C-alpha atoms as a PDB file:
ATOM      1  CA  MET A   1       0.000   0.000   0.000  1.00  0.00           C
ATOM      2  CA  LEU A   2       2.887   2.227  -0.789  1.00  0.00           C
ATOM      3  CA  GLY A   3       2.221   5.884  -1.418  1.00  0.00           C
ATOM      4  CA  MET A   4      -0.989   5.957   0.625  1.00  0.00           C
ATOM      5  CA  LYS A   5      -1.437   9.061   2.786  1.00  0.00           C
ATOM      6  CA  VAL A   6      -1.653   8.616   6.536  1.00  0.00           C
ATOM      7  CA  LEU A   7      -2.294  11.207   9.234  1.00  0.00           C
ATOM      8  CA  VAL A   8      -0.864  10.485  12.679  1.00  0.00           C
ATOM      9  CA  ILE A   9      -2.429  12.536  15.493  1.00  0.00           C
ATOM     10  CA  GLU A  10      -0.251  11.886  18.538  1.00  0.00           C
ATOM     11  CA  ASP A  11       0.914  14.303  21.251  1.00  0.00           C
ATOM     12  CA  GLU A  12       3.879  12.222  22.449  1.00  0.00           C
ATOM     13  CA  ILE A  13       6.656  13.753  20.331  1.00  0.00           C
ATOM     14  CA  LYS A  14       9.013  10.761  20.464  1.00  0.00           C
ATOM     15  CA  LEU A  15       6.267   8.309  19.575  1.00  0.00           C
ATOM     16  CA  ALA A  16       4.980  10.554  16.778  1.00  0.00           C
ATOM     17  CA  ASP A  17       8.497  10.852  15.311  1.00  0.00           C
ATOM     18  CA  TYR A  18       8.978   7.097  15.624  1.00  0.00           C
ATOM     19  CA  LEU A  19       5.715   6.425  13.790  1.00  0.00           C
ATOM     20  CA  ARG A  20       6.514   8.977  11.074  1.00  0.00           C
ATOM     21  CA  LYS A  21       9.918   7.402  10.449  1.00  0.00           C
ATOM     22  CA  GLY A  22       8.681   3.809  10.587  1.00  0.00           C
ATOM     23  CA  LEU A  23       5.622   4.356   8.402  1.00  0.00           C
ATOM     24  CA  THR A  24       7.640   6.369   5.894  1.00  0.00           C
ATOM     25  CA  GLU A  25      10.081   3.466   5.629  1.00  0.00           C
ATOM     26  CA  GLU A  26       7.070   1.211   5.023  1.00  0.00           C
ATOM     27  CA  GLY A  27       6.205   3.394   2.029  1.00  0.00           C
ATOM     28  CA  PHE A  28       3.414   5.531   3.451  1.00  0.00           C
ATOM     29  CA  VAL A  29       3.204   9.297   2.990  1.00  0.00           C
ATOM     30  CA  VAL A  30       2.872  10.586   6.560  1.00  0.00           C
ATOM     31  CA  ASP A  31       1.634  13.845   8.080  1.00  0.00           C
ATOM     32  CA  VAL A  32       1.770  14.400  11.849  1.00  0.00           C
ATOM     33  CA  ALA A  33      -0.264  16.595  14.210  1.00  0.00           C
ATOM     34  CA  HIS A  34       0.505  16.887  17.919  1.00  0.00           C
ATOM     35  CA  ASP A  35      -2.875  18.043  19.234  1.00  0.00           C
ATOM     36  CA  GLY A  36      -6.551  17.548  18.517  1.00  0.00           C
ATOM     37  CA  ILE A  37      -7.139  20.984  17.002  1.00  0.00           C
ATOM     38  CA  ASP A  38      -4.399  20.713  14.366  1.00  0.00           C
ATOM     39  CA  GLY A  39      -5.253  17.071  13.774  1.00  0.00           C
ATOM     40  CA  LEU A  40      -8.919  17.761  13.140  1.00  0.00           C
ATOM     41  CA  HIS A  41      -8.037  20.630  10.804  1.00  0.00           C
ATOM     42  CA  LEU A  42      -5.756  18.412   8.693  1.00  0.00           C
ATOM     43  CA  ALA A  43      -8.202  15.496   8.771  1.00  0.00           C
ATOM     44  CA  THR A  44     -11.067  17.609   7.429  1.00  0.00           C
ATOM     45  CA  GLU A  45      -9.127  19.825   5.010  1.00  0.00           C
ATOM     46  CA  LEU A  46      -6.936  17.199   3.330  1.00  0.00           C
ATOM     47  CA  ALA A  47      -7.614  13.738   1.932  1.00  0.00           C
ATOM     48  CA  TYR A  48      -6.078  10.795   3.795  1.00  0.00           C
ATOM     49  CA  ASP A  49      -6.348   7.063   3.231  1.00  0.00           C
ATOM     50  CA  LEU A  50      -6.151   6.367   6.970  1.00  0.00           C
ATOM     51  CA  ILE A  51      -5.839   8.232  10.277  1.00  0.00           C
ATOM     52  CA  VAL A  52      -3.950   6.966  13.327  1.00  0.00           C
ATOM     53  CA  LEU A  53      -5.562   8.813  16.246  1.00  0.00           C
ATOM     54  CA  ASP A  54      -4.418   8.962  19.866  1.00  0.00           C
ATOM     55  CA  GLY A  55      -7.300   8.853  22.317  1.00  0.00           C
ATOM     56  CA  MET A  56      -5.844  11.350  24.796  1.00  0.00           C
ATOM     57  CA  LEU A  57      -4.866  14.645  23.185  1.00  0.00           C
ATOM     58  CA  PRO A  58      -4.443  18.242  24.303  1.00  0.00           C
ATOM     59  CA  GLY A  59      -6.886  20.788  22.918  1.00  0.00           C
ATOM     60  CA  ILE A  60      -9.533  18.320  21.793  1.00  0.00           C
ATOM     61  CA  ASP A  61      -9.366  14.698  22.906  1.00  0.00           C
ATOM     62  CA  GLY A  62      -9.392  11.812  20.459  1.00  0.00           C
ATOM     63  CA  LEU A  63     -13.064  10.928  20.875  1.00  0.00           C
ATOM     64  CA  ALA A  64     -14.093  14.537  20.205  1.00  0.00           C
ATOM     65  CA  VAL A  65     -11.854  14.633  17.110  1.00  0.00           C
ATOM     66  CA  LEU A  66     -13.428  11.386  15.940  1.00  0.00           C
ATOM     67  CA  ALA A  67     -16.970  12.641  16.512  1.00  0.00           C
ATOM     68  CA  ALA A  68     -16.303  15.856  14.601  1.00  0.00           C
ATOM     69  CA  LEU A  69     -14.550  13.983  11.788  1.00  0.00           C
ATOM     70  CA  ARG A  70     -17.420  11.544  11.339  1.00  0.00           C
ATOM     71  CA  GLN A  71     -19.779  14.413  10.562  1.00  0.00           C
ATOM     72  CA  SER A  72     -18.081  14.887   7.197  1.00  0.00           C
ATOM     73  CA  ARG A  73     -15.573  12.075   6.547  1.00  0.00           C
ATOM     74  CA  GLN A  74     -15.570   8.290   6.686  1.00  0.00           C
ATOM     75  CA  THR A  75     -11.784   7.956   6.549  1.00  0.00           C
ATOM     76  CA  PRO A  76     -10.666   4.749   8.310  1.00  0.00           C
ATOM     77  CA  VAL A  77      -9.478   5.538  11.857  1.00  0.00           C
ATOM     78  CA  LEU A  78      -7.191   3.402  13.995  1.00  0.00           C
ATOM     79  CA  MET A  79      -7.205   4.641  17.583  1.00  0.00           C
ATOM     80  CA  LEU A  80      -4.168   4.436  19.851  1.00  0.00           C
ATOM     81  CA  THR A  81      -4.584   4.804  23.579  1.00  0.00           C
ATOM     82  CA  ALA A  82      -3.091   3.936  26.945  1.00  0.00           C
ATOM     83  CA  ARG A  83      -6.577   3.044  28.099  1.00  0.00           C
ATOM     84  CA  GLY A  84      -7.043  -0.679  28.200  1.00  0.00           C
ATOM     85  CA  GLN A  85     -10.467  -0.956  29.772  1.00  0.00           C
ATOM     86  CA  VAL A  86     -13.130  -2.692  27.729  1.00  0.00           C
ATOM     87  CA  GLU A  87     -15.577   0.200  28.149  1.00  0.00           C
ATOM     88  CA  ASP A  88     -13.015   2.648  26.736  1.00  0.00           C
ATOM     89  CA  ARG A  89     -12.473   0.495  23.668  1.00  0.00           C
ATOM     90  CA  VAL A  90     -16.212   0.088  23.207  1.00  0.00           C
ATOM     91  CA  ARG A  91     -16.690   3.851  23.481  1.00  0.00           C
ATOM     92  CA  GLY A  92     -14.104   4.453  20.785  1.00  0.00           C
ATOM     93  CA  LEU A  93     -15.557   1.861  18.434  1.00  0.00           C
ATOM     94  CA  GLN A  94     -19.093   3.120  18.998  1.00  0.00           C
ATOM     95  CA  GLY A  95     -17.840   6.636  18.274  1.00  0.00           C
ATOM     96  CA  GLY A  96     -16.770   5.574  14.793  1.00  0.00           C
ATOM     97  CA  ALA A  97     -13.258   4.158  15.156  1.00  0.00           C
ATOM     98  CA  ASP A  98     -12.528   1.252  12.815  1.00  0.00           C
ATOM     99  CA  ASP A  99      -9.970  -0.422  15.063  1.00  0.00           C
ATOM    100  CA  TYR A 100      -8.340   0.062  18.452  1.00  0.00           C
ATOM    101  CA  LEU A 101      -4.757  -0.563  19.591  1.00  0.00           C
ATOM    102  CA  VAL A 102      -3.678  -0.238  23.233  1.00  0.00           C
ATOM    103  CA  LYS A 103      -0.260   1.195  24.124  1.00  0.00           C
ATOM    104  CA  PRO A 104       2.366  -0.114  24.324  1.00  0.00           C
ATOM    105  CA  PHE A 105       2.054  -1.917  21.008  1.00  0.00           C
ATOM    106  CA  ALA A 106       4.313  -3.638  18.507  1.00  0.00           C
ATOM    107  CA  PHE A 107       4.964  -1.568  15.400  1.00  0.00           C
ATOM    108  CA  SER A 108       4.484  -4.668  13.240  1.00  0.00           C
ATOM    109  CA  GLU A 109       0.975  -5.116  14.645  1.00  0.00           C
ATOM    110  CA  LEU A 110       0.146  -1.473  13.929  1.00  0.00           C
ATOM    111  CA  VAL A 111       1.224  -1.870  10.307  1.00  0.00           C
ATOM    112  CA  ALA A 112      -0.697  -5.139   9.959  1.00  0.00           C
ATOM    113  CA  ARG A 113      -3.883  -3.539  11.299  1.00  0.00           C
ATOM    114  CA  MET A 114      -3.400  -0.562   8.983  1.00  0.00           C
ATOM    115  CA  HIS A 115      -3.141  -2.872   5.986  1.00  0.00           C
ATOM    116  CA  VAL A 116      -6.364  -4.619   7.000  1.00  0.00           C
ATOM    117  CA  LEU A 117      -8.228  -1.314   7.277  1.00  0.00           C
ATOM    118  CA  LEU A 118      -6.845  -0.051   3.977  1.00  0.00           C
ATOM    119  CA  ARG A 119      -7.795  -3.242   2.146  1.00  0.00           C
ATOM    120  CA  ARG A 120     -11.262  -3.037   3.657  1.00  0.00           C
ATOM    121  CA  SER A 121     -11.668   0.583   2.566  1.00  0.00           C
ATOM    122  CA  VAL A 122     -10.949  -0.303  -1.048  1.00  0.00           C
ATOM    123  CA  GLY A 123     -14.388  -1.873  -1.185  1.00  0.00           C
ATOM    124  CA  THR A 124     -15.696  -5.167  -2.456  1.00  0.00           C
ATOM    125  CA  ALA A 125     -15.801  -4.431  -6.191  1.00  0.00           C
ATOM    126  CA  HIS A 126     -12.130  -5.382  -6.509  1.00  0.00           C
ATOM    127  CA  PRO A 127     -10.907  -7.175  -3.434  1.00  0.00           C
ATOM    128  CA  ALA A 128      -7.567  -6.936  -1.722  1.00  0.00           C
ATOM    129  CA  ALA A 129      -5.513  -7.548  -4.874  1.00  0.00           C
ATOM    130  CA  GLU A 130      -6.420  -4.082  -6.150  1.00  0.00           C
ATOM    131  CA  ALA A 131      -4.872  -2.464  -3.117  1.00  0.00           C
ATOM    132  CA  THR A 132      -1.772  -4.631  -2.993  1.00  0.00           C
ATOM    133  CA  MET A 133      -0.769  -5.015  -6.661  1.00  0.00           C
ATOM    134  CA  LEU A 134       0.207  -2.242  -9.060  1.00  0.00           C
ATOM    135  CA  ARG A 135       0.682  -2.849 -12.784  1.00  0.00           C
ATOM    136  CA  MET A 136       1.618  -0.991 -15.942  1.00  0.00           C
ATOM    137  CA  ALA A 137       2.606  -2.612 -19.239  1.00  0.00           C
ATOM    138  CA  ASP A 138       4.944  -5.485 -18.248  1.00  0.00           C
ATOM    139  CA  LEU A 139       5.801  -3.923 -14.874  1.00  0.00           C
ATOM    140  CA  GLU A 140       4.258  -5.345 -11.703  1.00  0.00           C
ATOM    141  CA  LEU A 141       4.666  -4.366  -8.044  1.00  0.00           C
ATOM    142  CA  ASP A 142       3.552  -6.595  -5.196  1.00  0.00           C
ATOM    143  CA  LEU A 143       3.181  -4.160  -2.305  1.00  0.00           C
ATOM    144  CA  ILE A 144       2.784  -6.813   0.377  1.00  0.00           C
ATOM    145  CA  ARG A 145       5.807  -8.897  -0.603  1.00  0.00           C
ATOM    146  CA  ARG A 146       7.652  -5.704  -1.687  1.00  0.00           C
ATOM    147  CA  ARG A 147       8.599  -7.351  -4.955  1.00  0.00           C
ATOM    148  CA  ALA A 148       8.961  -5.687  -8.337  1.00  0.00           C
ATOM    149  CA  THR A 149       9.104  -7.567 -11.626  1.00  0.00           C
ATOM    150  CA  ARG A 150       9.276  -6.532 -15.264  1.00  0.00           C
ATOM    151  CA  ALA A 151       8.535  -8.978 -18.053  1.00  0.00           C
ATOM    152  CA  GLY A 152       8.645 -11.654 -15.364  1.00  0.00           C
ATOM    153  CA  GLN A 153      12.158 -10.698 -14.247  1.00  0.00           C
ATOM    154  CA  ARG A 154      12.771  -9.701 -10.621  1.00  0.00           C
ATOM    155  CA  LEU A 155      14.053  -6.139 -10.134  1.00  0.00           C
ATOM    156  CA  ASP A 156      16.575  -5.877  -7.308  1.00  0.00           C
ATOM    157  CA  LEU A 157      15.470  -2.569  -5.740  1.00  0.00           C
ATOM    158  CA  THR A 158      16.493  -0.869  -2.529  1.00  0.00           C
ATOM    159  CA  ALA A 159      13.735   0.201  -0.114  1.00  0.00           C
ATOM    160  CA  LYS A 160      13.858   3.810  -1.347  1.00  0.00           C
ATOM    161  CA  GLU A 161      13.879   2.746  -4.991  1.00  0.00           C
ATOM    162  CA  PHE A 162      10.852   0.549  -4.369  1.00  0.00           C
ATOM    163  CA  ASN A 163       9.007   3.398  -2.631  1.00  0.00           C
ATOM    164  CA  LEU A 164       9.919   5.803  -5.423  1.00  0.00           C
ATOM    165  CA  LEU A 165       8.718   3.396  -8.099  1.00  0.00           C
ATOM    166  CA  SER A 166       5.482   2.648  -6.259  1.00  0.00           C
ATOM    167  CA  LEU A 167       4.682   6.364  -5.968  1.00  0.00           C
ATOM    168  CA  LEU A 168       5.386   6.930  -9.660  1.00  0.00           C
ATOM    169  CA  LEU A 169       3.311   3.879 -10.558  1.00  0.00           C
ATOM    170  CA  ARG A 170       0.351   4.935  -8.416  1.00  0.00           C
ATOM    171  CA  ARG A 171       0.373   8.241 -10.246  1.00  0.00           C
ATOM    172  CA  GLN A 172       1.374   6.926 -13.644  1.00  0.00           C
ATOM    173  CA  GLY A 173       1.015   9.449 -16.450  1.00  0.00           C
ATOM    174  CA  GLU A 174       1.364  12.343 -13.992  1.00  0.00           C
ATOM    175  CA  VAL A 175       4.531  14.439 -13.941  1.00  0.00           C
ATOM    176  CA  LEU A 176       5.938  14.555 -10.392  1.00  0.00           C
ATOM    177  CA  SER A 177       8.382  17.301  -9.489  1.00  0.00           C
ATOM    178  CA  ARG A 178      11.638  16.731  -7.630  1.00  0.00           C
ATOM    179  CA  THR A 179      10.160  18.700  -4.733  1.00  0.00           C
ATOM    180  CA  GLU A 180       7.182  16.368  -4.436  1.00  0.00           C
ATOM    181  CA  LEU A 181       9.306  13.245  -4.740  1.00  0.00           C
ATOM    182  CA  ALA A 182      11.693  14.505  -2.048  1.00  0.00           C
ATOM    183  CA  SER A 183       8.774  15.269   0.248  1.00  0.00           C
ATOM    184  CA  GLN A 184       6.856  12.031  -0.214  1.00  0.00           C
ATOM    185  CA  VAL A 185       9.651   9.469  -0.560  1.00  0.00           C
ATOM    186  CA  TRP A 186      12.354  10.987   1.657  1.00  0.00           C
ATOM    187  CA  ASP A 187      10.119  13.070   3.951  1.00  0.00           C
ATOM    188  CA  MET A 188      12.368  16.079   3.363  1.00  0.00           C
ATOM    189  CA  ASN A 189      12.053  19.590   2.024  1.00  0.00           C
ATOM    190  CA  PHE A 190      13.663  19.887  -1.384  1.00  0.00           C
ATOM    191  CA  ASP A 191      17.042  21.621  -1.376  1.00  0.00           C
ATOM    192  CA  SER A 192      18.343  22.743  -4.754  1.00  0.00           C
ATOM    193  CA  GLU A 193      21.844  21.793  -3.588  1.00  0.00           C
ATOM    194  CA  THR A 194      20.766  18.202  -2.935  1.00  0.00           C
ATOM    195  CA  ASN A 195      20.771  15.730  -5.810  1.00  0.00           C
ATOM    196  CA  VAL A 196      19.300  12.795  -3.877  1.00  0.00           C
ATOM    197  CA  VAL A 197      16.264  12.616  -6.181  1.00  0.00           C
ATOM    198  CA  GLU A 198      18.308  12.701  -9.388  1.00  0.00           C
ATOM    199  CA  VAL A 199      20.662  10.014  -8.088  1.00  0.00           C
ATOM    200  CA  ALA A 200      17.779   7.758  -7.038  1.00  0.00           C
ATOM    201  CA  VAL A 201      15.966   8.225 -10.363  1.00  0.00           C
ATOM    202  CA  ARG A 202      19.148   7.437 -12.272  1.00  0.00           C
ATOM    203  CA  ARG A 203      19.715   4.236 -10.297  1.00  0.00           C
ATOM    204  CA  LEU A 204      16.087   3.213 -10.640  1.00  0.00           C
ATOM    205  CA  ARG A 205      16.191   3.802 -14.385  1.00  0.00           C
ATOM    206  CA  LEU A 206      19.237   1.562 -14.736  1.00  0.00           C
ATOM    207  CA  LYS A 207      17.293  -1.302 -13.160  1.00  0.00           C
ATOM    208  CA  LEU A 208      13.855  -0.549 -14.568  1.00  0.00           C
ATOM    209  CA  ASP A 209      14.595   0.454 -18.166  1.00  0.00           C
ATOM    210  CA  GLN A 210      18.148  -0.322 -19.250  1.00  0.00           C
ATOM    211  CA  PRO A 211      17.706  -4.111 -19.567  1.00  0.00           C
ATOM    212  CA  PHE A 212      14.468  -3.720 -21.540  1.00  0.00           C
ATOM    213  CA  GLU A 213      13.529  -2.403 -24.962  1.00  0.00           C
ATOM    214  CA  GLN A 214      10.797   0.052 -23.954  1.00  0.00           C
ATOM    215  CA  PRO A 215      11.597   2.768 -21.398  1.00  0.00           C
ATOM    216  CA  LEU A 216       8.921   3.536 -18.812  1.00  0.00           C
ATOM    217  CA  LEU A 217      10.558   6.227 -16.649  1.00  0.00           C
ATOM    218  CA  HIS A 218      10.803   9.547 -18.485  1.00  0.00           C
ATOM    219  CA  THR A 219      12.288  12.942 -17.631  1.00  0.00           C
ATOM    220  CA  VAL A 220      10.191  15.985 -18.434  1.00  0.00           C
ATOM    221  CA  ARG A 221      12.697  18.794 -18.746  1.00  0.00           C
ATOM    222  CA  GLY A 222      12.208  21.550 -16.206  1.00  0.00           C
ATOM    223  CA  MET A 223       9.246  19.780 -14.587  1.00  0.00           C
ATOM    224  CA  GLY A 224      10.162  16.402 -13.156  1.00  0.00           C
ATOM    225  CA  TYR A 225       9.586  12.735 -13.914  1.00  0.00           C
ATOM    226  CA  VAL A 226       6.745  10.603 -15.193  1.00  0.00           C
ATOM    227  CA  LEU A 227       6.149   6.874 -15.405  1.00  0.00           C
ATOM    228  CA  GLU A 228       4.167   5.922 -18.492  1.00  0.00           C
ATOM    229  CA  SER A 229       4.114   3.430 -21.333  1.00  0.00           C
ATOM    230  CA  ARG A 230       4.687   5.325 -24.548  1.00  0.00           C
ATOM    231  CA  ALA A 231       4.182   3.986 -28.041  1.00  0.00           C
ATOM    232  CA  PRO A 232       7.506   3.132 -29.687  1.00  0.00           C
END
């Protein structure tokens, strides 16, 4: 489910930073808010695929954020809380949460629960495969196994290369600027002195296009990069 946008609303700074880093490495695009007011603003103003919401927040607590959010959005919500009582979990689920995870928790379990919610939100018209497989021409990405193949051949990609390719593939045909790629894949503000994007694109192109007849990754001069299958 690489490239999906996640909002983490968590007031514990260390935990929020840990989740941002871990989820970014898993391929998610992550925004963070540290209180209920900022979190609710982001949740209602921007589009997210999933929200990770702490139950105890300054400003507006998690249940109030959830109640306000459910008036306008049905974004999947996974609640995090130190509260372990059954009645607290029931209250959160009755308030509109889709799942509930009690602190302390294993990061692997958080990611697994997120994947379940995201697959569920895709709907029943095209079951889980739609959310976990990306395809274009003879290129295929398995987002669960983190495997990329082209014309049946395995592509040996690094984690960042895989995340970069998955983002380009999700938005195939759309020109993505270096600034956007830096922000979404590396979680960094673009610095004109930094060539991390160009280096990564060059290495990805060597693996993705060089061994094959038809190039898929194209440079649009002065604008950025686009992944698309062009007629020869």
